[in-house]
Amino acid sequence: MLLWPKNGQVELAQEEDLDDAFNQAKIAQVAWGNMPLNQRSGLIEKITNRLENDSLEMASLAVIEAGKTWQDAIDEVREAI
């Protein structure tokens, strides 16, 4: 299965879809590696802030979709942050 960014739907991936995903990841890794450290750290801080702001929603999804207990879901979100 692959989350397809074009339409946000989960679909059965074809081999060429996976090849494309890996190629895009390689391109992104090079761009990330070429990015100045202060810019990378700023992006990581932005992601962390977003995770903190949306932690209840993320924990709720873990409970609903993965069957986690509330405590397990909260612990996983905290660990991710």
PDB file of N, CA and C in Angstrom:
ATOM      1  N   MET A   1       0.845  -1.172   0.000  1.00  0.00           N
ATOM      2  CA  MET A   1       0.000   0.000   0.000  1.00  0.00           C
ATOM      3  C   MET A   1       0.892   1.238   0.000  1.00  0.00           C
ATOM      4  N   LEU A   2       0.373   2.287  -0.581  1.00  0.00           N
ATOM      5  CA  LEU A   2       1.150   3.510  -0.719  1.00  0.00           C
ATOM      6  C   LEU A   2       0.207   4.693  -0.600  1.00  0.00           C
ATOM      7  N   LEU A   3       0.566   5.669   0.228  1.00  0.00           N
ATOM      8  CA  LEU A   3      -0.219   6.898   0.296  1.00  0.00           C
ATOM      9  C   LEU A   3       0.178   7.736  -0.901  1.00  0.00           C
ATOM     10  N   TRP A   4      -0.747   7.960  -1.758  1.00  0.00           N
ATOM     11  CA  TRP A   4      -0.464   8.632  -3.004  1.00  0.00           C
ATOM     12  C   TRP A   4      -0.708  10.129  -2.842  1.00  0.00           C
ATOM     13  N   PRO A   5       0.352  10.948  -2.889  1.00  0.00           N
ATOM     14  CA  PRO A   5       0.204  12.380  -2.610  1.00  0.00           C
ATOM     15  C   PRO A   5      -0.726  13.119  -3.579  1.00  0.00           C
ATOM     16  N   LYS A   6      -0.913  12.576  -4.755  1.00  0.00           N
ATOM     17  CA  LYS A   6      -1.754  13.269  -5.736  1.00  0.00           C
ATOM     18  C   LYS A   6      -3.184  13.414  -5.244  1.00  0.00           C
ATOM     19  N   ASN A   7      -3.696  12.385  -4.587  1.00  0.00           N
ATOM     20  CA  ASN A   7      -5.097  12.438  -4.192  1.00  0.00           C
ATOM     21  C   ASN A   7      -5.312  12.115  -2.712  1.00  0.00           C
ATOM     22  N   GLY A   8      -4.233  11.852  -1.964  1.00  0.00           N
ATOM     23  CA  GLY A   8      -4.354  11.591  -0.543  1.00  0.00           C
ATOM     24  C   GLY A   8      -5.023  10.285  -0.195  1.00  0.00           C
ATOM     25  N   GLN A   9      -5.188   9.414  -1.167  1.00  0.00           N
ATOM     26  CA  GLN A   9      -5.845   8.131  -0.947  1.00  0.00           C
ATOM     27  C   GLN A   9      -4.807   7.024  -0.817  1.00  0.00           C
ATOM     28  N   VAL A  10      -5.165   5.995  -0.082  1.00  0.00           N
ATOM     29  CA  VAL A  10      -4.310   4.823   0.020  1.00  0.00           C
ATOM     30  C   VAL A  10      -4.731   3.856  -1.077  1.00  0.00           C
ATOM     31  N   GLU A  11      -3.783   3.485  -1.914  1.00  0.00           N
ATOM     32  CA  GLU A  11      -4.070   2.621  -3.053  1.00  0.00           C
ATOM     33  C   GLU A  11      -3.022   1.515  -3.117  1.00  0.00           C
ATOM     34  N   LEU A  12      -3.347   0.472  -3.801  1.00  0.00           N
ATOM     35  CA  LEU A  12      -2.376  -0.577  -4.057  1.00  0.00           C
ATOM     36  C   LEU A  12      -1.320  -0.019  -5.014  1.00  0.00           C
ATOM     37  N   ALA A  13      -0.070  -0.064  -4.594  1.00  0.00           N
ATOM     38  CA  ALA A  13       1.003   0.509  -5.396  1.00  0.00           C
ATOM     39  C   ALA A  13       1.470  -0.486  -6.448  1.00  0.00           C
ATOM     40  N   GLN A  14       1.806   0.050  -7.582  1.00  0.00           N
ATOM     41  CA  GLN A  14       2.422  -0.727  -8.647  1.00  0.00           C
ATOM     42  C   GLN A  14       3.938  -0.607  -8.494  1.00  0.00           C
ATOM     43  N   GLU A  15       4.667  -1.479  -9.132  1.00  0.00           N
ATOM     44  CA  GLU A  15       6.123  -1.450  -9.010  1.00  0.00           C
ATOM     45  C   GLU A  15       6.696  -0.107  -9.436  1.00  0.00           C
ATOM     46  N   GLU A  16       6.163   0.483 -10.490  1.00  0.00           N
ATOM     47  CA  GLU A  16       6.684   1.776 -10.949  1.00  0.00           C
ATOM     48  C   GLU A  16       6.374   2.891  -9.944  1.00  0.00           C
ATOM     49  N   ASP A  17       5.275   2.747  -9.186  1.00  0.00           N
ATOM     50  CA  ASP A  17       4.971   3.716  -8.132  1.00  0.00           C
ATOM     51  C   ASP A  17       6.044   3.676  -7.046  1.00  0.00           C
ATOM     52  N   LEU A  18       6.445   2.461  -6.685  1.00  0.00           N
ATOM     53  CA  LEU A  18       7.478   2.315  -5.664  1.00  0.00           C
ATOM     54  C   LEU A  18       8.818   2.835  -6.156  1.00  0.00           C
ATOM     55  N   ASP A  19       9.138   2.557  -7.403  1.00  0.00           N
ATOM     56  CA  ASP A  19      10.381   3.075  -7.983  1.00  0.00           C
ATOM     57  C   ASP A  19      10.368   4.599  -7.945  1.00  0.00           C
ATOM     58  N   ASP A  20       9.249   5.191  -8.295  1.00  0.00           N
ATOM     59  CA  ASP A  20       9.123   6.647  -8.278  1.00  0.00           C
ATOM     60  C   ASP A  20       9.278   7.185  -6.858  1.00  0.00           C
ATOM     61  N   ALA A  21       8.662   6.519  -5.894  1.00  0.00           N
ATOM     62  CA  ALA A  21       8.760   6.957  -4.501  1.00  0.00           C
ATOM     63  C   ALA A  21      10.208   6.909  -4.019  1.00  0.00           C
ATOM     64  N   PHE A  22      10.932   5.838  -4.338  1.00  0.00           N
ATOM     65  CA  PHE A  22      12.335   5.736  -3.940  1.00  0.00           C
ATOM     66  C   PHE A  22      13.178   6.806  -4.619  1.00  0.00           C
ATOM     67  N   ASN A  23      12.919   7.056  -5.897  1.00  0.00           N
ATOM     68  CA  ASN A  23      13.675   8.092  -6.608  1.00  0.00           C
ATOM     69  C   ASN A  23      13.417   9.471  -6.012  1.00  0.00           C
ATOM     70  N   GLN A  24      12.174   9.750  -5.667  1.00  0.00           N
ATOM     71  CA  GLN A  24      11.850  11.039  -5.040  1.00  0.00           C
ATOM     72  C   GLN A  24      12.529  11.158  -3.675  1.00  0.00           C
ATOM     73  N   ALA A  25      12.582  10.064  -2.932  1.00  0.00           N
ATOM     74  CA  ALA A  25      13.247  10.079  -1.625  1.00  0.00           C
ATOM     75  C   ALA A  25      14.745  10.350  -1.774  1.00  0.00           C
ATOM     76  N   LYS A  26      15.359   9.769  -2.793  1.00  0.00           N
ATOM     77  CA  LYS A  26      16.787  10.012  -3.030  1.00  0.00           C
ATOM     78  C   LYS A  26      17.037  11.476  -3.359  1.00  0.00           C
ATOM     79  N   ILE A  27      16.178  12.059  -4.186  1.00  0.00           N
ATOM     80  CA  ILE A  27      16.306  13.476  -4.543  1.00  0.00           C
ATOM     81  C   ILE A  27      16.141  14.349  -3.297  1.00  0.00           C
ATOM     82  N   ALA A  28      15.146  14.021  -2.480  1.00  0.00           N
ATOM     83  CA  ALA A  28      14.896  14.798  -1.268  1.00  0.00           C
ATOM     84  C   ALA A  28      16.073  14.691  -0.302  1.00  0.00           C
ATOM     85  N   GLN A  29      16.684  13.508  -0.206  1.00  0.00           N
ATOM     86  CA  GLN A  29      17.820  13.329   0.699  1.00  0.00           C
ATOM     87  C   GLN A  29      18.984  14.204   0.279  1.00  0.00           C
ATOM     88  N   VAL A  30      19.239  14.302  -1.006  1.00  0.00           N
ATOM     89  CA  VAL A  30      20.328  15.151  -1.496  1.00  0.00           C
ATOM     90  C   VAL A  30      20.030  16.610  -1.165  1.00  0.00           C
ATOM     91  N   ALA A  31      18.793  17.033  -1.407  1.00  0.00           N
ATOM     92  CA  ALA A  31      18.411  18.418  -1.101  1.00  0.00           C
ATOM     93  C   ALA A  31      18.556  18.696   0.396  1.00  0.00           C
ATOM     94  N   TRP A  32      18.127  17.742   1.228  1.00  0.00           N
ATOM     95  CA  TRP A  32      18.249  17.891   2.682  1.00  0.00           C
ATOM     96  C   TRP A  32      19.724  18.001   3.086  1.00  0.00           C
ATOM     97  N   GLY A  33      20.554  17.153   2.511  1.00  0.00           N
ATOM     98  CA  GLY A  33      21.980  17.172   2.837  1.00  0.00           C
ATOM     99  C   GLY A  33      22.670  18.453   2.410  1.00  0.00           C
ATOM    100  N   ASN A  34      22.181  19.100   1.359  1.00  0.00           N
ATOM    101  CA  ASN A  34      22.766  20.346   0.868  1.00  0.00           C
ATOM    102  C   ASN A  34      22.227  21.574   1.596  1.00  0.00           C
ATOM    103  N   MET A  35      21.180  21.393   2.381  1.00  0.00           N
ATOM    104  CA  MET A  35      20.562  22.506   3.096  1.00  0.00           C
ATOM    105  C   MET A  35      21.445  22.910   4.276  1.00  0.00           C
ATOM    106  N   PRO A  36      21.626  24.217   4.503  1.00  0.00           N
ATOM    107  CA  PRO A  36      22.424  24.656   5.649  1.00  0.00           C
ATOM    108  C   PRO A  36      21.846  24.128   6.966  1.00  0.00           C
ATOM    109  N   LEU A  37      22.722  23.853   7.906  1.00  0.00           N
ATOM    110  CA  LEU A  37      22.327  23.262   9.180  1.00  0.00           C
ATOM    111  C   LEU A  37      21.275  24.102   9.905  1.00  0.00           C
ATOM    112  N   ASN A  38      21.431  25.419   9.924  1.00  0.00           N
ATOM    113  CA  ASN A  38      20.455  26.258  10.633  1.00  0.00           C
ATOM    114  C   ASN A  38      19.065  26.171   9.992  1.00  0.00           C
ATOM    115  N   GLN A  39      19.008  25.984   8.696  1.00  0.00           N
ATOM    116  CA  GLN A  39      17.722  25.837   8.020  1.00  0.00           C
ATOM    117  C   GLN A  39      17.090  24.480   8.349  1.00  0.00           C
ATOM    118  N   ARG A  40      17.931  23.426   8.368  1.00  0.00           N
ATOM    119  CA  ARG A  40      17.426  22.094   8.735  1.00  0.00           C
ATOM    120  C   ARG A  40      16.911  22.084  10.164  1.00  0.00           C
ATOM    121  N   SER A  41      17.671  22.679  11.080  1.00  0.00           N
ATOM    122  CA  SER A  41      17.244  22.686  12.479  1.00  0.00           C
ATOM    123  C   SER A  41      15.967  23.502  12.643  1.00  0.00           C
ATOM    124  N   GLY A  42      15.812  24.572  11.861  1.00  0.00           N
ATOM    125  CA  GLY A  42      14.575  25.349  11.901  1.00  0.00           C
ATOM    126  C   GLY A  42      13.376  24.530  11.449  1.00  0.00           C
ATOM    127  N   LEU A  43      13.558  23.719  10.426  1.00  0.00           N
ATOM    128  CA  LEU A  43      12.472  22.861   9.955  1.00  0.00           C
ATOM    129  C   LEU A  43      12.123  21.787  10.977  1.00  0.00           C
ATOM    130  N   ILE A  44      13.137  21.227  11.612  1.00  0.00           N
ATOM    131  CA  ILE A  44      12.879  20.208  12.635  1.00  0.00           C
ATOM    132  C   ILE A  44      12.125  20.824  13.809  1.00  0.00           C
ATOM    133  N   GLU A  45      12.516  22.036  14.194  1.00  0.00           N
ATOM    134  CA  GLU A  45      11.808  22.725  15.279  1.00  0.00           C
ATOM    135  C   GLU A  45      10.351  23.007  14.897  1.00  0.00           C
ATOM    136  N   LYS A  46      10.127  23.383  13.660  1.00  0.00           N
ATOM    137  CA  LYS A  46       8.766  23.636  13.177  1.00  0.00           C
ATOM    138  C   LYS A  46       7.922  22.356  13.230  1.00  0.00           C
ATOM    139  N   ILE A  47       8.503  21.243  12.824  1.00  0.00           N
ATOM    140  CA  ILE A  47       7.800  19.958  12.867  1.00  0.00           C
ATOM    141  C   ILE A  47       7.495  19.575  14.309  1.00  0.00           C
ATOM    142  N   THR A  48       8.475  19.771  15.188  1.00  0.00           N
ATOM    143  CA  THR A  48       8.274  19.451  16.601  1.00  0.00           C
ATOM    144  C   THR A  48       7.133  20.270  17.181  1.00  0.00           C
ATOM    145  N   ASN A  49       7.110  21.552  16.872  1.00  0.00           N
ATOM    146  CA  ASN A  49       6.020  22.410  17.358  1.00  0.00           C
ATOM    147  C   ASN A  49       4.672  21.936  16.839  1.00  0.00           C
ATOM    148  N   ARG A  50       4.640  21.533  15.598  1.00  0.00           N
ATOM    149  CA  ARG A  50       3.389  21.045  15.003  1.00  0.00           C
ATOM    150  C   ARG A  50       2.937  19.756  15.689  1.00  0.00           C
ATOM    151  N   LEU A  51       3.891  18.858  15.948  1.00  0.00           N
ATOM    152  CA  LEU A  51       3.555  17.619  16.650  1.00  0.00           C
ATOM    153  C   LEU A  51       3.010  17.916  18.043  1.00  0.00           C
ATOM    154  N   GLU A  52       3.632  18.855  18.735  1.00  0.00           N
ATOM    155  CA  GLU A  52       3.165  19.224  20.075  1.00  0.00           C
ATOM    156  C   GLU A  52       1.759  19.822  20.017  1.00  0.00           C
ATOM    157  N   ASN A  53       1.521  20.687  19.050  1.00  0.00           N
ATOM    158  CA  ASN A  53       0.212  21.339  18.920  1.00  0.00           C
ATOM    159  C   ASN A  53      -0.889  20.362  18.538  1.00  0.00           C
ATOM    160  N   ASP A  54      -0.535  19.325  17.798  1.00  0.00           N
ATOM    161  CA  ASP A  54      -1.520  18.356  17.315  1.00  0.00           C
ATOM    162  C   ASP A  54      -1.443  17.028  18.069  1.00  0.00           C
ATOM    163  N   SER A  55      -0.832  17.022  19.244  1.00  0.00           N
ATOM    164  CA  SER A  55      -0.593  15.759  19.942  1.00  0.00           C
ATOM    165  C   SER A  55      -1.881  15.038  20.328  1.00  0.00           C
ATOM    166  N   LEU A  56      -2.906  15.764  20.717  1.00  0.00           N
ATOM    167  CA  LEU A  56      -4.161  15.107  21.075  1.00  0.00           C
ATOM    168  C   LEU A  56      -4.791  14.442  19.852  1.00  0.00           C
ATOM    169  N   GLU A  57      -4.758  15.133  18.729  1.00  0.00           N
ATOM    170  CA  GLU A  57      -5.305  14.554  17.496  1.00  0.00           C
ATOM    171  C   GLU A  57      -4.516  13.315  17.084  1.00  0.00           C
ATOM    172  N   MET A  58      -3.204  13.386  17.191  1.00  0.00           N
ATOM    173  CA  MET A  58      -2.377  12.237  16.818  1.00  0.00           C
ATOM    174  C   MET A  58      -2.636  11.055  17.745  1.00  0.00           C
ATOM    175  N   ALA A  59      -2.756  11.320  19.045  1.00  0.00           N
ATOM    176  CA  ALA A  59      -3.053  10.251  19.987  1.00  0.00           C
ATOM    177  C   ALA A  59      -4.424   9.651  19.699  1.00  0.00           C
ATOM    178  N   SER A  60      -5.387  10.495  19.358  1.00  0.00           N
ATOM    179  CA  SER A  60      -6.733  10.014  19.030  1.00  0.00           C
ATOM    180  C   SER A  60      -6.700   9.072  17.832  1.00  0.00           C
ATOM    181  N   LEU A  61      -5.918   9.432  16.817  1.00  0.00           N
ATOM    182  CA  LEU A  61      -5.797   8.572  15.636  1.00  0.00           C
ATOM    183  C   LEU A  61      -5.179   7.225  16.001  1.00  0.00           C
ATOM    184  N   ALA A  62      -4.200   7.237  16.889  1.00  0.00           N
ATOM    185  CA  ALA A  62      -3.575   5.982  17.305  1.00  0.00           C
ATOM    186  C   ALA A  62      -4.571   5.096  18.047  1.00  0.00           C
ATOM    187  N   VAL A  63      -5.442   5.714  18.835  1.00  0.00           N
ATOM    188  CA  VAL A  63      -6.468   4.952  19.559  1.00  0.00           C
ATOM    189  C   VAL A  63      -7.482   4.378  18.582  1.00  0.00           C
ATOM    190  N   ILE A  64      -7.955   5.213  17.670  1.00  0.00           N
ATOM    191  CA  ILE A  64      -9.016   4.801  16.741  1.00  0.00           C
ATOM    192  C   ILE A  64      -8.502   3.822  15.688  1.00  0.00           C
ATOM    193  N   GLU A  65      -7.383   4.165  15.053  1.00  0.00           N
ATOM    194  CA  GLU A  65      -6.922   3.388  13.908  1.00  0.00           C
ATOM    195  C   GLU A  65      -6.042   2.197  14.285  1.00  0.00           C
ATOM    196  N   ALA A  66      -5.291   2.308  15.384  1.00  0.00           N
ATOM    197  CA  ALA A  66      -4.366   1.232  15.733  1.00  0.00           C
ATOM    198  C   ALA A  66      -4.802   0.476  16.979  1.00  0.00           C
ATOM    199  N   GLY A  67      -5.893   0.911  17.595  1.00  0.00           N
ATOM    200  CA  GLY A  67      -6.393   0.216  18.767  1.00  0.00           C
ATOM    201  C   GLY A  67      -5.519   0.376  19.996  1.00  0.00           C
ATOM    202  N   LYS A  68      -4.724   1.437  20.033  1.00  0.00           N
ATOM    203  CA  LYS A  68      -3.864   1.691  21.186  1.00  0.00           C
ATOM    204  C   LYS A  68      -4.715   2.126  22.377  1.00  0.00           C
ATOM    205  N   THR A  69      -4.208   1.865  23.574  1.00  0.00           N
ATOM    206  CA  THR A  69      -4.840   2.458  24.745  1.00  0.00           C
ATOM    207  C   THR A  69      -4.453   3.931  24.756  1.00  0.00           C
ATOM    208  N   TRP A  70      -5.205   4.731  25.494  1.00  0.00           N
ATOM    209  CA  TRP A  70      -4.882   6.156  25.558  1.00  0.00           C
ATOM    210  C   TRP A  70      -3.467   6.369  26.065  1.00  0.00           C
ATOM    211  N   GLN A  71      -3.084   5.629  27.095  1.00  0.00           N
ATOM    212  CA  GLN A  71      -1.739   5.826  27.644  1.00  0.00           C
ATOM    213  C   GLN A  71      -0.671   5.452  26.621  1.00  0.00           C
ATOM    214  N   ASP A  72      -0.856   4.339  25.913  1.00  0.00           N
ATOM    215  CA  ASP A  72       0.107   3.950  24.873  1.00  0.00           C
ATOM    216  C   ASP A  72       0.185   5.003  23.777  1.00  0.00           C
ATOM    217  N   ALA A  73      -0.969   5.520  23.372  1.00  0.00           N
ATOM    218  CA  ALA A  73      -1.009   6.534  22.315  1.00  0.00           C
ATOM    219  C   ALA A  73      -0.290   7.809  22.756  1.00  0.00           C
ATOM    220  N   ILE A  74      -0.549   8.245  23.965  1.00  0.00           N
ATOM    221  CA  ILE A  74       0.116   9.448  24.484  1.00  0.00           C
ATOM    222  C   ILE A  74       1.619   9.223  24.577  1.00  0.00           C
ATOM    223  N   ASP A  75       2.015   8.054  25.064  1.00  0.00           N
ATOM    224  CA  ASP A  75       3.449   7.737  25.171  1.00  0.00           C
ATOM    225  C   ASP A  75       4.125   7.741  23.795  1.00  0.00           C
ATOM    226  N   GLU A  76       3.455   7.198  22.791  1.00  0.00           N
ATOM    227  CA  GLU A  76       4.036   7.166  21.442  1.00  0.00           C
ATOM    228  C   GLU A  76       4.189   8.558  20.866  1.00  0.00           C
ATOM    229  N   VAL A  77       3.205   9.406  21.078  1.00  0.00           N
ATOM    230  CA  VAL A  77       3.292  10.781  20.579  1.00  0.00           C
ATOM    231  C   VAL A  77       4.427  11.507  21.285  1.00  0.00           C
ATOM    232  N   ARG A  78       4.522  11.347  22.585  1.00  0.00           N
ATOM    233  CA  ARG A  78       5.617  11.996  23.335  1.00  0.00           C
ATOM    234  C   ARG A  78       6.976  11.504  22.841  1.00  0.00           C
ATOM    235  N   GLU A  79       7.069  10.211  22.571  1.00  0.00           N
ATOM    236  CA  GLU A  79       8.331   9.654  22.076  1.00  0.00           C
ATOM    237  C   GLU A  79       8.687  10.230  20.708  1.00  0.00           C
ATOM    238  N   ALA A  80       7.683  10.448  19.878  1.00  0.00           N
ATOM    239  CA  ALA A  80       7.930  10.998  18.543  1.00  0.00           C
ATOM    240  C   ALA A  80       8.448  12.431  18.633  1.00  0.00           C
ATOM    241  N   ILE A  81       7.961  13.156  19.612  1.00  0.00           N
ATOM    242  CA  ILE A  81       8.372  14.546  19.776  1.00  0.00           C
ATOM    243  C   ILE A  81       9.752  14.585  20.403  1.00  0.00           C
TER     244      ILE A  81
END
